[in-house]
């Protein structure tokens, strides 16, 4: 087992999961370490990895109007890479702010585990949707702030 179930128990993403599901998921995890300023993944790339932050801080950054804008800072227990679970492209760049330790999950293996257990699938889908909603809200707030700070000539105008 690469990750102990109690490591997952401390992560908010997994707080509603049953102990037997945590044990099953922990067997799918691989530990990774990133140095400060190291890119975990790039905006727009296709990836099959879903991550949970064990320690350190990660900046989620998007390119808006040619500028990198920090959408959200993630901490221990937070998750990133949700787009891998739906087969999409990365919505932002993830960059380590400190030495960062992550648990990495191959999305195909997680989907297979969910296919085999509907209770696990339900818990995972509910948490994943809440993450997506939170990230959309954070992006909207950052975009609103960035647009308000832009000179009038660079603001997006509605028709």
Protein backbone atom coordinates (compact mmCIF):
# COMPACT_ATOMS: atom_id res chain seq x y z
CA UNK A 1 0.00 0.00 0.00
CA UNK A 2 1.52 3.34 -1.02
CA UNK A 3 -0.68 5.57 1.17
CA UNK A 4 -2.11 4.68 4.55
CA UNK A 5 -5.91 5.00 4.87
CA UNK A 6 -5.42 7.40 7.82
CA UNK A 7 -3.61 9.80 5.44
CA UNK A 8 -6.79 9.91 3.37
CA UNK A 9 -8.99 10.26 6.46
CA UNK A 10 -7.25 13.58 7.21
CA UNK A 11 -8.12 14.94 3.76
CA UNK A 12 -11.41 16.86 3.52
CA UNK A 13 -12.03 15.38 0.07
CA UNK A 14 -12.32 11.88 1.57
CA UNK A 15 -14.14 12.75 4.83
CA UNK A 16 -17.45 11.19 3.74
CA UNK A 17 -15.89 7.96 2.51
CA UNK A 18 -16.34 4.68 4.38
CA UNK A 19 -13.22 3.08 5.93
CA UNK A 20 -13.31 0.16 3.47
CA UNK A 21 -13.40 2.67 0.58
CA UNK A 22 -10.45 4.59 2.02
CA UNK A 23 -8.47 1.37 2.20
CA UNK A 24 -9.37 0.54 -1.41
CA UNK A 25 -8.45 4.04 -2.63
CA UNK A 26 -5.21 4.15 -0.63
CA UNK A 27 -3.99 1.14 -2.59
CA UNK A 28 -4.31 3.21 -5.78
CA UNK A 29 -2.20 6.13 -4.53
CA UNK A 30 1.39 7.01 -5.39
CA UNK A 31 3.33 9.60 -3.39
CA UNK A 32 5.05 12.39 -5.36
CA UNK A 33 7.22 15.30 -4.23
CA UNK A 34 7.63 18.65 -6.02
CA UNK A 35 10.17 21.41 -5.34
CA UNK A 36 9.18 25.09 -4.89
CA UNK A 37 8.14 26.67 -8.22
CA UNK A 38 8.04 23.27 -9.94
CA UNK A 39 5.07 22.89 -12.31
CA UNK A 40 2.81 19.99 -11.38
CA UNK A 41 0.77 20.33 -14.56
CA UNK A 42 0.18 22.94 -17.25
CA UNK A 43 -3.00 24.69 -18.33
CA UNK A 44 -4.57 23.04 -21.38
CA UNK A 45 -2.74 19.73 -21.20
CA UNK A 46 -4.49 16.39 -21.09
CA UNK A 47 -3.62 14.30 -18.07
CA UNK A 48 -4.81 11.17 -16.39
CA UNK A 49 -3.72 12.08 -12.84
CA UNK A 50 -5.89 13.26 -9.94
CA UNK A 51 -4.03 14.56 -6.86
CA UNK A 52 -4.51 15.20 -3.15
CA UNK A 53 -2.13 17.56 -1.33
CA UNK A 54 -0.48 15.85 1.66
CA UNK A 55 1.75 18.79 2.60
CA UNK A 56 2.80 22.16 1.22
CA UNK A 57 0.96 24.76 -0.85
CA UNK A 58 -0.02 24.69 -4.52
CA UNK A 59 -1.02 27.69 -6.63
CA UNK A 60 -3.69 27.15 -9.27
CA UNK A 61 -2.97 29.73 -11.96
CA UNK A 62 -4.83 30.64 -15.13
CA UNK A 63 -3.77 32.77 -18.05
CA UNK A 64 -6.26 35.59 -18.46
CA UNK A 65 -5.61 38.42 -20.89
CA UNK A 66 -2.01 37.27 -21.30
CA UNK A 67 -1.36 37.39 -17.53
CA UNK A 68 -0.97 34.53 -15.05
CA UNK A 69 -3.52 35.00 -12.29
CA UNK A 70 -3.62 32.90 -9.12
CA UNK A 71 -7.12 31.47 -8.98
CA UNK A 72 -6.70 29.62 -5.72
CA UNK A 73 -4.04 28.44 -3.29
CA UNK A 74 -4.42 24.85 -2.15
CA UNK A 75 -3.21 23.44 1.16
CA UNK A 76 -2.81 20.06 2.83
CA UNK A 77 -5.94 17.98 2.28
CA UNK A 78 -7.06 19.80 -0.87
CA UNK A 79 -7.40 18.11 -4.23
CA UNK A 80 -6.39 19.11 -7.74
CA UNK A 81 -6.58 17.72 -11.22
CA UNK A 82 -10.33 17.04 -11.24
CA UNK A 83 -10.45 17.39 -15.04
CA UNK A 84 -8.54 14.10 -15.33
CA UNK A 85 -11.60 12.36 -13.90
CA UNK A 86 -13.83 13.60 -16.72
CA UNK A 87 -11.32 13.24 -19.54
CA UNK A 88 -10.91 16.97 -20.07
CA UNK A 89 -8.02 19.33 -20.45
CA UNK A 90 -6.44 21.03 -17.46
CA UNK A 91 -8.29 24.25 -16.67
CA UNK A 92 -5.27 25.91 -15.09
CA UNK A 93 -1.62 25.47 -14.21
CA UNK A 94 -0.63 23.96 -10.85
CA UNK A 95 2.64 25.18 -9.35
CA UNK A 96 4.29 24.16 -6.08
CA UNK A 97 4.80 27.14 -3.76
CA UNK A 98 6.78 25.12 -1.20
CA UNK A 99 8.09 21.59 -1.12
CA UNK A 100 4.84 19.78 -1.90
CA UNK A 101 3.95 16.16 -1.27
CA UNK A 102 1.01 14.80 -3.24
CA UNK A 103 -0.90 11.58 -3.52
CA UNK A 104 -1.37 10.84 -7.19
CA UNK A 105 -4.17 8.66 -8.54
CA UNK A 106 -4.48 7.29 -12.06
CA UNK A 107 -7.97 8.41 -13.13
CA UNK A 108 -8.70 5.21 -15.08
CA UNK A 109 -8.02 3.12 -11.97
CA UNK A 110 -10.21 5.39 -9.83
CA UNK A 111 -13.04 5.16 -12.38
CA UNK A 112 -12.68 1.37 -12.42
CA UNK A 113 -12.94 1.28 -8.61
CA UNK A 114 -16.07 3.45 -8.83
CA UNK A 115 -17.56 1.16 -11.50
CA UNK A 116 -17.18 -1.75 -9.10
CA UNK A 117 -18.75 -0.01 -6.10
CA UNK A 118 -21.71 2.36 -6.41
CA UNK A 119 -21.35 3.70 -2.84
CA UNK A 120 -17.76 4.68 -3.59
CA UNK A 121 -18.83 6.18 -6.92
CA UNK A 122 -21.57 8.25 -5.26
CA UNK A 123 -19.25 9.63 -2.57
CA UNK A 124 -16.54 10.40 -5.12
CA UNK A 125 -18.91 12.09 -7.57
CA UNK A 126 -20.52 14.25 -4.87
CA UNK A 127 -17.12 15.46 -3.65
CA UNK A 128 -15.83 16.00 -7.18
CA UNK A 129 -18.84 18.14 -8.10
CA UNK A 130 -18.40 20.26 -4.99
CA UNK A 131 -14.74 20.84 -5.93
CA UNK A 132 -15.72 21.88 -9.47
CA UNK A 133 -18.35 24.29 -8.12
CA UNK A 134 -15.84 25.79 -5.66
CA UNK A 135 -13.21 26.26 -8.36
CA UNK A 136 -15.71 27.89 -10.73
CA UNK A 137 -16.72 30.33 -7.99
CA UNK A 138 -13.09 31.12 -7.18
CA UNK A 139 -12.30 31.65 -10.87
CA UNK A 140 -15.28 33.96 -11.27
CA UNK A 141 -14.19 36.05 -8.28
CA UNK A 142 -10.59 36.30 -9.50
CA UNK A 143 -11.72 37.19 -13.03
CA UNK A 144 -14.05 39.88 -11.71
CA UNK A 145 -11.22 41.33 -9.63
CA UNK A 146 -8.76 41.23 -12.54
CA UNK A 147 -11.21 42.89 -14.92
CA UNK A 148 -12.05 45.61 -12.41
CA UNK A 149 -8.34 46.40 -12.06
CA UNK A 150 -7.70 46.47 -15.82
CA UNK A 151 -7.52 49.81 -17.63
CA UNK A 152 -10.81 50.68 -19.38
CA UNK A 153 -9.28 49.98 -22.81
CA UNK A 154 -8.56 46.35 -21.81
CA UNK A 155 -11.90 45.53 -20.20
CA UNK A 156 -14.26 43.09 -21.86
CA UNK A 157 -17.38 44.81 -23.08
CA UNK A 158 -20.73 43.06 -23.32
CA UNK A 159 -22.79 43.49 -26.46
